[in-house]
Amino acid sequence: QVRGLCGTFTGDQRDEFTTPEGDVEPGVAAFANAFRAAGACPALGPGIPDPCQGFPGSRERAEASCAVLMGPAFQ
């Protein structure tokens, strides 16, 4: 019953990029753009930006946040 940016967790890689409209996007950029709030941020292009270059100094905070998602609460 999980959907959205976290994927579907069905074990089927073909439906991991399901948009809010129920479409399955073939690429990461189109999938992410489907969840973008209009005007909140620019649309992603075909290439995936490197977040470490865009936000220098944030690696430690990002790793701590990801540790929560990888922890027992989400297993």
PDB file of N, CA and C in Angstrom:
ATOM      1  N   GLN A   1       0.811  -1.201   0.000  1.00  0.00           N
ATOM      2  CA  GLN A   1       0.000   0.000   0.000  1.00  0.00           C
ATOM      3  C   GLN A   1       0.853   1.263   0.000  1.00  0.00           C
ATOM      4  N   VAL A   2       2.160   1.124  -0.152  1.00  0.00           N
ATOM      5  CA  VAL A   2       3.052   2.278  -0.190  1.00  0.00           C
ATOM      6  C   VAL A   2       3.113   2.792  -1.619  1.00  0.00           C
ATOM      7  N   ARG A   3       3.006   4.125  -1.770  1.00  0.00           N
ATOM      8  CA  ARG A   3       3.109   4.745  -3.085  1.00  0.00           C
ATOM      9  C   ARG A   3       3.818   6.074  -2.934  1.00  0.00           C
ATOM     10  N   GLY A   4       4.258   6.626  -4.030  1.00  0.00           N
ATOM     11  CA  GLY A   4       4.851   7.950  -4.011  1.00  0.00           C
ATOM     12  C   GLY A   4       6.341   7.905  -4.258  1.00  0.00           C
ATOM     13  N   LEU A   5       7.032   8.917  -3.751  1.00  0.00           N
ATOM     14  CA  LEU A   5       8.470   9.021  -3.997  1.00  0.00           C
ATOM     15  C   LEU A   5       9.252   7.879  -3.377  1.00  0.00           C
ATOM     16  N   CYS A   6       8.683   7.166  -2.415  1.00  0.00           N
ATOM     17  CA  CYS A   6       9.383   6.029  -1.805  1.00  0.00           C
ATOM     18  C   CYS A   6       9.219   4.753  -2.623  1.00  0.00           C
ATOM     19  N   GLY A   7       8.420   4.762  -3.668  1.00  0.00           N
ATOM     20  CA  GLY A   7       8.213   3.574  -4.483  1.00  0.00           C
ATOM     21  C   GLY A   7       6.999   2.789  -4.025  1.00  0.00           C
ATOM     22  N   THR A   8       6.835   1.598  -4.573  1.00  0.00           N
ATOM     23  CA  THR A   8       5.671   0.771  -4.265  1.00  0.00           C
ATOM     24  C   THR A   8       5.992  -0.444  -3.400  1.00  0.00           C
ATOM     25  N   PHE A   9       7.243  -0.858  -3.369  1.00  0.00           N
ATOM     26  CA  PHE A   9       7.693  -2.018  -2.587  1.00  0.00           C
ATOM     27  C   PHE A   9       6.921  -3.290  -2.925  1.00  0.00           C
ATOM     28  N   THR A  10       6.601  -3.454  -4.210  1.00  0.00           N
ATOM     29  CA  THR A  10       5.936  -4.679  -4.637  1.00  0.00           C
ATOM     30  C   THR A  10       6.934  -5.741  -5.066  1.00  0.00           C
ATOM     31  N   GLY A  11       8.202  -5.354  -5.181  1.00  0.00           N
ATOM     32  CA  GLY A  11       9.211  -6.282  -5.675  1.00  0.00           C
ATOM     33  C   GLY A  11       9.312  -6.259  -7.184  1.00  0.00           C
ATOM     34  N   ASP A  12       8.431  -5.500  -7.837  1.00  0.00           N
ATOM     35  CA  ASP A  12       8.436  -5.382  -9.292  1.00  0.00           C
ATOM     36  C   ASP A  12       9.030  -4.028  -9.664  1.00  0.00           C
ATOM     37  N   GLN A  13      10.241  -4.027 -10.215  1.00  0.00           N
ATOM     38  CA  GLN A  13      10.923  -2.780 -10.553  1.00  0.00           C
ATOM     39  C   GLN A  13      10.188  -1.981 -11.624  1.00  0.00           C
ATOM     40  N   ARG A  14       9.310  -2.624 -12.379  1.00  0.00           N
ATOM     41  CA  ARG A  14       8.612  -1.923 -13.461  1.00  0.00           C
ATOM     42  C   ARG A  14       7.584  -0.923 -12.957  1.00  0.00           C
ATOM     43  N   ASP A  15       7.139  -1.033 -11.699  1.00  0.00           N
ATOM     44  CA  ASP A  15       6.121  -0.088 -11.223  1.00  0.00           C
ATOM     45  C   ASP A  15       6.626   0.855 -10.134  1.00  0.00           C
ATOM     46  N   GLU A  16       7.941   0.909  -9.930  1.00  0.00           N
ATOM     47  CA  GLU A  16       8.495   1.767  -8.881  1.00  0.00           C
ATOM     48  C   GLU A  16       8.294   3.246  -9.165  1.00  0.00           C
ATOM     49  N   PHE A  17       8.248   3.647 -10.411  1.00  0.00           N
ATOM     50  CA  PHE A  17       8.097   5.065 -10.758  1.00  0.00           C
ATOM     51  C   PHE A  17       6.648   5.392 -11.110  1.00  0.00           C
ATOM     52  N   THR A  18       5.704   4.975 -10.283  1.00  0.00           N
ATOM     53  CA  THR A  18       4.289   5.259 -10.507  1.00  0.00           C
ATOM     54  C   THR A  18       3.969   6.667 -10.017  1.00  0.00           C
ATOM     55  N   THR A  19       3.398   7.486 -10.897  1.00  0.00           N
ATOM     56  CA  THR A  19       3.087   8.880 -10.586  1.00  0.00           C
ATOM     57  C   THR A  19       1.773   8.974  -9.808  1.00  0.00           C
ATOM     58  N   PRO A  20       1.445  10.155  -9.275  1.00  0.00           N
ATOM     59  CA  PRO A  20       0.165  10.315  -8.576  1.00  0.00           C
ATOM     60  C   PRO A  20      -1.036  10.021  -9.478  1.00  0.00           C
ATOM     61  N   GLU A  21      -0.865  10.182 -10.787  1.00  0.00           N
ATOM     62  CA  GLU A  21      -1.953   9.900 -11.724  1.00  0.00           C
ATOM     63  C   GLU A  21      -2.059   8.423 -12.080  1.00  0.00           C
ATOM     64  N   GLY A  22      -1.105   7.609 -11.602  1.00  0.00           N
ATOM     65  CA  GLY A  22      -1.125   6.177 -11.879  1.00  0.00           C
ATOM     66  C   GLY A  22      -0.301   5.771 -13.080  1.00  0.00           C
ATOM     67  N   ASP A  23       0.345   6.735 -13.743  1.00  0.00           N
ATOM     68  CA  ASP A  23       1.213   6.414 -14.867  1.00  0.00           C
ATOM     69  C   ASP A  23       2.547   5.892 -14.346  1.00  0.00           C
ATOM     70  N   VAL A  24       3.213   5.068 -15.128  1.00  0.00           N
ATOM     71  CA  VAL A  24       4.545   4.583 -14.767  1.00  0.00           C
ATOM     72  C   VAL A  24       5.543   5.264 -15.687  1.00  0.00           C
ATOM     73  N   GLU A  25       6.418   6.075 -15.091  1.00  0.00           N
ATOM     74  CA  GLU A  25       7.424   6.810 -15.857  1.00  0.00           C
ATOM     75  C   GLU A  25       8.668   5.942 -16.043  1.00  0.00           C
ATOM     76  N   PRO A  26       9.305   6.035 -17.215  1.00  0.00           N
ATOM     77  CA  PRO A  26      10.500   5.229 -17.455  1.00  0.00           C
ATOM     78  C   PRO A  26      11.773   5.812 -16.843  1.00  0.00           C
ATOM     79  N   GLY A  27      11.769   7.100 -16.504  1.00  0.00           N
ATOM     80  CA  GLY A  27      12.986   7.733 -16.004  1.00  0.00           C
ATOM     81  C   GLY A  27      12.769   8.487 -14.709  1.00  0.00           C
ATOM     82  N   VAL A  28      13.864   8.730 -14.012  1.00  0.00           N
ATOM     83  CA  VAL A  28      13.832   9.393 -12.711  1.00  0.00           C
ATOM     84  C   VAL A  28      13.338  10.832 -12.817  1.00  0.00           C
ATOM     85  N   ALA A  29      13.826  11.585 -13.814  1.00  0.00           N
ATOM     86  CA  ALA A  29      13.467  13.000 -13.920  1.00  0.00           C
ATOM     87  C   ALA A  29      11.961  13.177 -14.133  1.00  0.00           C
ATOM     88  N   ALA A  30      11.386  12.433 -15.048  1.00  0.00           N
ATOM     89  CA  ALA A  30       9.943  12.549 -15.304  1.00  0.00           C
ATOM     90  C   ALA A  30       9.140  12.136 -14.073  1.00  0.00           C
ATOM     91  N   PHE A  31       9.600  11.111 -13.376  1.00  0.00           N
ATOM     92  CA  PHE A  31       8.931  10.662 -12.153  1.00  0.00           C
ATOM     93  C   PHE A  31       8.964  11.748 -11.085  1.00  0.00           C
ATOM     94  N   ALA A  32      10.144  12.328 -10.843  1.00  0.00           N
ATOM     95  CA  ALA A  32      10.275  13.375  -9.837  1.00  0.00           C
ATOM     96  C   ALA A  32       9.459  14.603 -10.208  1.00  0.00           C
ATOM     97  N   ASN A  33       9.450  14.971 -11.487  1.00  0.00           N
ATOM     98  CA  ASN A  33       8.681  16.127 -11.926  1.00  0.00           C
ATOM     99  C   ASN A  33       7.182  15.932 -11.725  1.00  0.00           C
ATOM    100  N   ALA A  34       6.713  14.698 -11.730  1.00  0.00           N
ATOM    101  CA  ALA A  34       5.289  14.428 -11.509  1.00  0.00           C
ATOM    102  C   ALA A  34       4.869  14.794 -10.088  1.00  0.00           C
ATOM    103  N   PHE A  35       5.807  14.802  -9.147  1.00  0.00           N
ATOM    104  CA  PHE A  35       5.507  15.138  -7.758  1.00  0.00           C
ATOM    105  C   PHE A  35       5.847  16.591  -7.423  1.00  0.00           C
ATOM    106  N   ARG A  36       6.380  17.329  -8.379  1.00  0.00           N
ATOM    107  CA  ARG A  36       6.816  18.705  -8.160  1.00  0.00           C
ATOM    108  C   ARG A  36       5.606  19.618  -8.006  1.00  0.00           C
ATOM    109  N   ALA A  37       5.636  20.449  -6.979  1.00  0.00           N
ATOM    110  CA  ALA A  37       4.595  21.459  -6.794  1.00  0.00           C
ATOM    111  C   ALA A  37       4.844  22.570  -7.801  1.00  0.00           C
ATOM    112  N   ALA A  38       3.826  22.962  -8.539  1.00  0.00           N
ATOM    113  CA  ALA A  38       3.973  23.975  -9.579  1.00  0.00           C
ATOM    114  C   ALA A  38       4.582  25.252  -9.014  1.00  0.00           C
ATOM    115  N   GLY A  39       5.659  25.687  -9.620  1.00  0.00           N
ATOM    116  CA  GLY A  39       6.302  26.924  -9.224  1.00  0.00           C
ATOM    117  C   GLY A  39       7.212  26.818  -8.009  1.00  0.00           C
ATOM    118  N   ALA A  40       7.210  25.697  -7.312  1.00  0.00           N
ATOM    119  CA  ALA A  40       8.008  25.560  -6.095  1.00  0.00           C
ATOM    120  C   ALA A  40       9.493  25.414  -6.403  1.00  0.00           C
ATOM    121  N   CYS A  41       9.814  24.755  -7.496  1.00  0.00           N
ATOM    122  CA  CYS A  41      11.204  24.551  -7.874  1.00  0.00           C
ATOM    123  C   CYS A  41      11.246  24.249  -9.364  1.00  0.00           C
ATOM    124  N   PRO A  42      12.391  24.430  -9.998  1.00  0.00           N
ATOM    125  CA  PRO A  42      12.472  24.155 -11.439  1.00  0.00           C
ATOM    126  C   PRO A  42      12.359  22.658 -11.728  1.00  0.00           C
ATOM    127  N   ALA A  43      11.824  22.346 -12.888  1.00  0.00           N
ATOM    128  CA  ALA A  43      11.705  20.947 -13.305  1.00  0.00           C
ATOM    129  C   ALA A  43      13.090  20.367 -13.545  1.00  0.00           C
ATOM    130  N   LEU A  44      13.233  19.091 -13.262  1.00  0.00           N
ATOM    131  CA  LEU A  44      14.498  18.398 -13.526  1.00  0.00           C
ATOM    132  C   LEU A  44      14.644  18.148 -15.011  1.00  0.00           C
ATOM    133  N   GLY A  45      15.860  18.245 -15.495  1.00  0.00           N
ATOM    134  CA  GLY A  45      16.165  17.912 -16.876  1.00  0.00           C
ATOM    135  C   GLY A  45      16.434  16.423 -16.984  1.00  0.00           C
ATOM    136  N   PRO A  46      16.925  15.979 -18.130  1.00  0.00           N
ATOM    137  CA  PRO A  46      17.163  14.538 -18.296  1.00  0.00           C
ATOM    138  C   PRO A  46      18.291  13.997 -17.421  1.00  0.00           C
ATOM    139  N   GLY A  47      19.246  14.847 -17.040  1.00  0.00           N
ATOM    140  CA  GLY A  47      20.329  14.393 -16.180  1.00  0.00           C
ATOM    141  C   GLY A  47      19.973  14.591 -14.714  1.00  0.00           C
ATOM    142  N   ILE A  48      20.501  13.765 -13.859  1.00  0.00           N
ATOM    143  CA  ILE A  48      20.238  13.870 -12.422  1.00  0.00           C
ATOM    144  C   ILE A  48      21.344  14.699 -11.791  1.00  0.00           C
ATOM    145  N   PRO A  49      20.992  15.831 -11.137  1.00  0.00           N
ATOM    146  CA  PRO A  49      22.035  16.654 -10.519  1.00  0.00           C
ATOM    147  C   PRO A  49      22.655  15.955  -9.310  1.00  0.00           C
ATOM    148  N   ASP A  50      23.906  16.251  -9.052  1.00  0.00           N
ATOM    149  CA  ASP A  50      24.592  15.691  -7.897  1.00  0.00           C
ATOM    150  C   ASP A  50      24.263  16.548  -6.681  1.00  0.00           C
ATOM    151  N   PRO A  51      23.522  16.026  -5.707  1.00  0.00           N
ATOM    152  CA  PRO A  51      23.118  16.828  -4.556  1.00  0.00           C
ATOM    153  C   PRO A  51      24.296  17.293  -3.708  1.00  0.00           C
ATOM    154  N   CYS A  52      25.384  16.562  -3.706  1.00  0.00           N
ATOM    155  CA  CYS A  52      26.545  16.968  -2.913  1.00  0.00           C
ATOM    156  C   CYS A  52      27.197  18.220  -3.488  1.00  0.00           C
ATOM    157  N   GLN A  53      27.134  18.395  -4.798  1.00  0.00           N
ATOM    158  CA  GLN A  53      27.689  19.598  -5.410  1.00  0.00           C
ATOM    159  C   GLN A  53      26.750  20.787  -5.233  1.00  0.00           C
ATOM    160  N   GLY A  54      25.461  20.544  -5.250  1.00  0.00           N
ATOM    161  CA  GLY A  54      24.485  21.618  -5.119  1.00  0.00           C
ATOM    162  C   GLY A  54      24.363  22.149  -3.705  1.00  0.00           C
ATOM    163  N   PHE A  55      24.683  21.325  -2.725  1.00  0.00           N
ATOM    164  CA  PHE A  55      24.552  21.707  -1.321  1.00  0.00           C
ATOM    165  C   PHE A  55      25.796  21.297  -0.543  1.00  0.00           C
ATOM    166  N   PRO A  56      26.901  21.974  -0.779  1.00  0.00           N
ATOM    167  CA  PRO A  56      28.136  21.586  -0.086  1.00  0.00           C
ATOM    168  C   PRO A  56      27.990  21.743   1.423  1.00  0.00           C
ATOM    169  N   GLY A  57      28.576  20.810   2.161  1.00  0.00           N
ATOM    170  CA  GLY A  57      28.512  20.873   3.619  1.00  0.00           C
ATOM    171  C   GLY A  57      27.296  20.205   4.218  1.00  0.00           C
ATOM    172  N   SER A  58      26.405  19.688   3.393  1.00  0.00           N
ATOM    173  CA  SER A  58      25.179  19.072   3.910  1.00  0.00           C
ATOM    174  C   SER A  58      25.246  17.558   3.977  1.00  0.00           C
ATOM    175  N   ARG A  59      26.377  16.976   3.600  1.00  0.00           N
ATOM    176  CA  ARG A  59      26.484  15.512   3.553  1.00  0.00           C
ATOM    177  C   ARG A  59      26.170  14.869   4.899  1.00  0.00           C
ATOM    178  N   GLU A  60      26.724  15.407   5.987  1.00  0.00           N
ATOM    179  CA  GLU A  60      26.517  14.815   7.313  1.00  0.00           C
ATOM    180  C   GLU A  60      25.034  14.833   7.699  1.00  0.00           C
ATOM    181  N   ARG A  61      24.372  15.952   7.439  1.00  0.00           N
ATOM    182  CA  ARG A  61      22.945  16.057   7.763  1.00  0.00           C
ATOM    183  C   ARG A  61      22.127  15.090   6.904  1.00  0.00           C
ATOM    184  N   ALA A  62      22.489  14.967   5.630  1.00  0.00           N
ATOM    185  CA  ALA A  62      21.780  14.053   4.736  1.00  0.00           C
ATOM    186  C   ALA A  62      21.979  12.604   5.171  1.00  0.00           C
ATOM    187  N   GLU A  63      23.193  12.249   5.550  1.00  0.00           N
ATOM    188  CA  GLU A  63      23.449  10.878   5.995  1.00  0.00           C
ATOM    189  C   GLU A  63      22.683  10.562   7.274  1.00  0.00           C
ATOM    190  N   ALA A  64      22.568  11.525   8.182  1.00  0.00           N
ATOM    191  CA  ALA A  64      21.799  11.311   9.413  1.00  0.00           C
ATOM    192  C   ALA A  64      20.317  11.131   9.098  1.00  0.00           C
ATOM    193  N   SER A  65      19.806  11.919   8.156  1.00  0.00           N
ATOM    194  CA  SER A  65      18.396  11.794   7.772  1.00  0.00           C
ATOM    195  C   SER A  65      18.131  10.461   7.085  1.00  0.00           C
ATOM    196  N   CYS A  66      19.044  10.041   6.231  1.00  0.00           N
ATOM    197  CA  CYS A  66      18.874   8.758   5.542  1.00  0.00           C
ATOM    198  C   CYS A  66      18.969   7.591   6.525  1.00  0.00           C
ATOM    199  N   ALA A  67      19.764   7.752   7.571  1.00  0.00           N
ATOM    200  CA  ALA A  67      19.881   6.685   8.571  1.00  0.00           C
ATOM    201  C   ALA A  67      18.535   6.409   9.230  1.00  0.00           C
ATOM    202  N   VAL A  68      17.737   7.452   9.403  1.00  0.00           N
ATOM    203  CA  VAL A  68      16.391   7.269   9.960  1.00  0.00           C
ATOM    204  C   VAL A  68      15.546   6.431   9.008  1.00  0.00           C
ATOM    205  N   LEU A  69      15.613   6.737   7.700  1.00  0.00           N
ATOM    206  CA  LEU A  69      14.825   5.993   6.720  1.00  0.00           C
ATOM    207  C   LEU A  69      15.287   4.544   6.584  1.00  0.00           C
ATOM    208  N   MET A  70      16.562   4.311   6.834  1.00  0.00           N
ATOM    209  CA  MET A  70      17.101   2.957   6.729  1.00  0.00           C
ATOM    210  C   MET A  70      16.990   2.201   8.054  1.00  0.00           C
ATOM    211  N   GLY A  71      16.506   2.851   9.097  1.00  0.00           N
ATOM    212  CA  GLY A  71      16.422   2.268  10.425  1.00  0.00           C
ATOM    213  C   GLY A  71      15.228   1.350  10.613  1.00  0.00           C
ATOM    214  N   PRO A  72      15.046   0.848  11.823  1.00  0.00           N
ATOM    215  CA  PRO A  72      14.008  -0.130  12.111  1.00  0.00           C
ATOM    216  C   PRO A  72      12.580   0.373  11.901  1.00  0.00           C
ATOM    217  N   ALA A  73      12.355   1.674  12.003  1.00  0.00           N
ATOM    218  CA  ALA A  73      10.991   2.185  11.810  1.00  0.00           C
ATOM    219  C   ALA A  73      10.456   1.929  10.403  1.00  0.00           C
ATOM    220  N   PHE A  74      11.340   1.817   9.415  1.00  0.00           N
ATOM    221  CA  PHE A  74      10.917   1.625   8.038  1.00  0.00           C
ATOM    222  C   PHE A  74      11.260   0.251   7.487  1.00  0.00           C
ATOM    223  N   GLN A  75      11.611  -0.690   8.347  1.00  0.00           N
ATOM    224  CA  GLN A  75      11.943  -2.026   7.866  1.00  0.00           C
ATOM    225  C   GLN A  75      10.710  -2.865   7.732  1.00  0.00           C
TER     226      GLN A  75
END
